[in-house]
C-alpha atoms as a PDB file:
ATOM      1  CA  UNK A   1      10.262  51.782  -1.199  1.00  0.00           C
ATOM      2  CA  UNK A   2       9.759  54.176  -3.982  1.00  0.00           C
ATOM      3  CA  UNK A   3      12.091  57.162  -5.025  1.00  0.00           C
ATOM      4  CA  UNK A   4      10.097  59.676  -3.131  1.00  0.00           C
ATOM      5  CA  UNK A   5      10.562  58.021   0.319  1.00  0.00           C
ATOM      6  CA  UNK A   6      14.230  57.474   0.030  1.00  0.00           C
ATOM      7  CA  UNK A   7      14.553  61.074  -1.399  1.00  0.00           C
ATOM      8  CA  UNK A   8      12.500  62.213   2.104  1.00  0.00           C
ATOM      9  CA  UNK A   9      14.839  60.477   4.105  1.00  0.00           C
ATOM     10  CA  UNK A  10      17.824  61.758   2.763  1.00  0.00           C
ATOM     11  CA  UNK A  11      16.666  65.327   3.083  1.00  0.00           C
ATOM     12  CA  UNK A  12      15.367  64.360   6.949  1.00  0.00           C
ATOM     13  CA  UNK A  13      18.866  62.951   7.497  1.00  0.00           C
ATOM     14  CA  UNK A  14      20.800  65.768   6.090  1.00  0.00           C
ATOM     15  CA  UNK A  15      18.501  68.561   8.176  1.00  0.00           C
ATOM     16  CA  UNK A  16      19.189  66.355  11.424  1.00  0.00           C
ATOM     17  CA  UNK A  17      22.975  66.165  10.586  1.00  0.00           C
ATOM     18  CA  UNK A  18      23.124  70.185  10.068  1.00  0.00           C
ATOM     19  CA  UNK A  19      20.984  70.692  13.501  1.00  0.00           C
ATOM     20  CA  UNK A  20      23.164  68.488  15.371  1.00  0.00           C
ATOM     21  CA  UNK A  21      26.424  69.933  13.879  1.00  0.00           C
ATOM     22  CA  UNK A  22      24.980  73.517  15.079  1.00  0.00           C
ATOM     23  CA  UNK A  23      24.111  72.236  18.473  1.00  0.00           C
ATOM     24  CA  UNK A  24      27.280  70.728  18.596  1.00  0.00           C
ATOM     25  CA  UNK A  25      29.218  73.638  17.534  1.00  0.00           C
ATOM     26  CA  UNK A  26      27.520  75.960  20.190  1.00  0.00           C
ATOM     27  CA  UNK A  27      28.526  73.582  23.060  1.00  0.00           C
ATOM     28  CA  UNK A  28      31.813  72.636  22.025  1.00  0.00           C
ATOM     29  CA  UNK A  29      34.845  74.636  23.849  1.00  0.00           C
ATOM     30  CA  UNK A  30      36.287  77.236  21.698  1.00  0.00           C
ATOM     31  CA  UNK A  31      39.922  77.448  21.060  1.00  0.00           C
ATOM     32  CA  UNK A  32      41.665  80.593  21.631  1.00  0.00           C
ATOM     33  CA  UNK A  33      40.752  83.777  23.702  1.00  0.00           C
ATOM     34  CA  UNK A  34      37.439  84.761  21.790  1.00  0.00           C
ATOM     35  CA  UNK A  35      36.432  86.105  18.433  1.00  0.00           C
ATOM     36  CA  UNK A  36      37.086  89.920  19.063  1.00  0.00           C
ATOM     37  CA  UNK A  37      40.440  89.320  20.533  1.00  0.00           C
ATOM     38  CA  UNK A  38      43.632  90.637  19.393  1.00  0.00           C
ATOM     39  CA  UNK A  39      46.005  87.882  20.677  1.00  0.00           C
ATOM     40  CA  UNK A  40      48.522  88.190  17.902  1.00  0.00           C
ATOM     41  CA  UNK A  41      48.931  92.000  18.015  1.00  0.00           C
ATOM     42  CA  UNK A  42      52.245  92.996  19.788  1.00  0.00           C
ATOM     43  CA  UNK A  43      51.882  96.070  21.998  1.00  0.00           C
ATOM     44  CA  UNK A  44      55.585  96.220  23.087  1.00  0.00           C
ATOM     45  CA  UNK A  45      56.179  99.226  20.923  1.00  0.00           C
ATOM     46  CA  UNK A  46      53.504 101.435  22.590  1.00  0.00           C
ATOM     47  CA  UNK A  47      54.522 103.793  25.346  1.00  0.00           C
ATOM     48  CA  UNK A  48      52.096 103.829  28.166  1.00  0.00           C
ATOM     49  CA  UNK A  49      53.188 107.727  28.838  1.00  0.00           C
ATOM     50  CA  UNK A  50      52.062 108.858  25.706  1.00  0.00           C
ATOM     51  CA  UNK A  51      48.556 107.338  26.462  1.00  0.00           C
ATOM     52  CA  UNK A  52      47.711 109.512  29.120  1.00  0.00           C
ATOM     53  CA  UNK A  53      46.171 113.002  27.966  1.00  0.00           C
END
């Protein structure tokens, strides 16, 4: 095997790994409540009566 064949094999393996990782991340269960969630926000100081206009 010459250098070009080895280089192409490495590039191909890296591309397969990258695409496989993208697919795995899209199907893997997401931890937490979502990307736009404000789970860490404390709403205990907000008075619901003041929110109505």
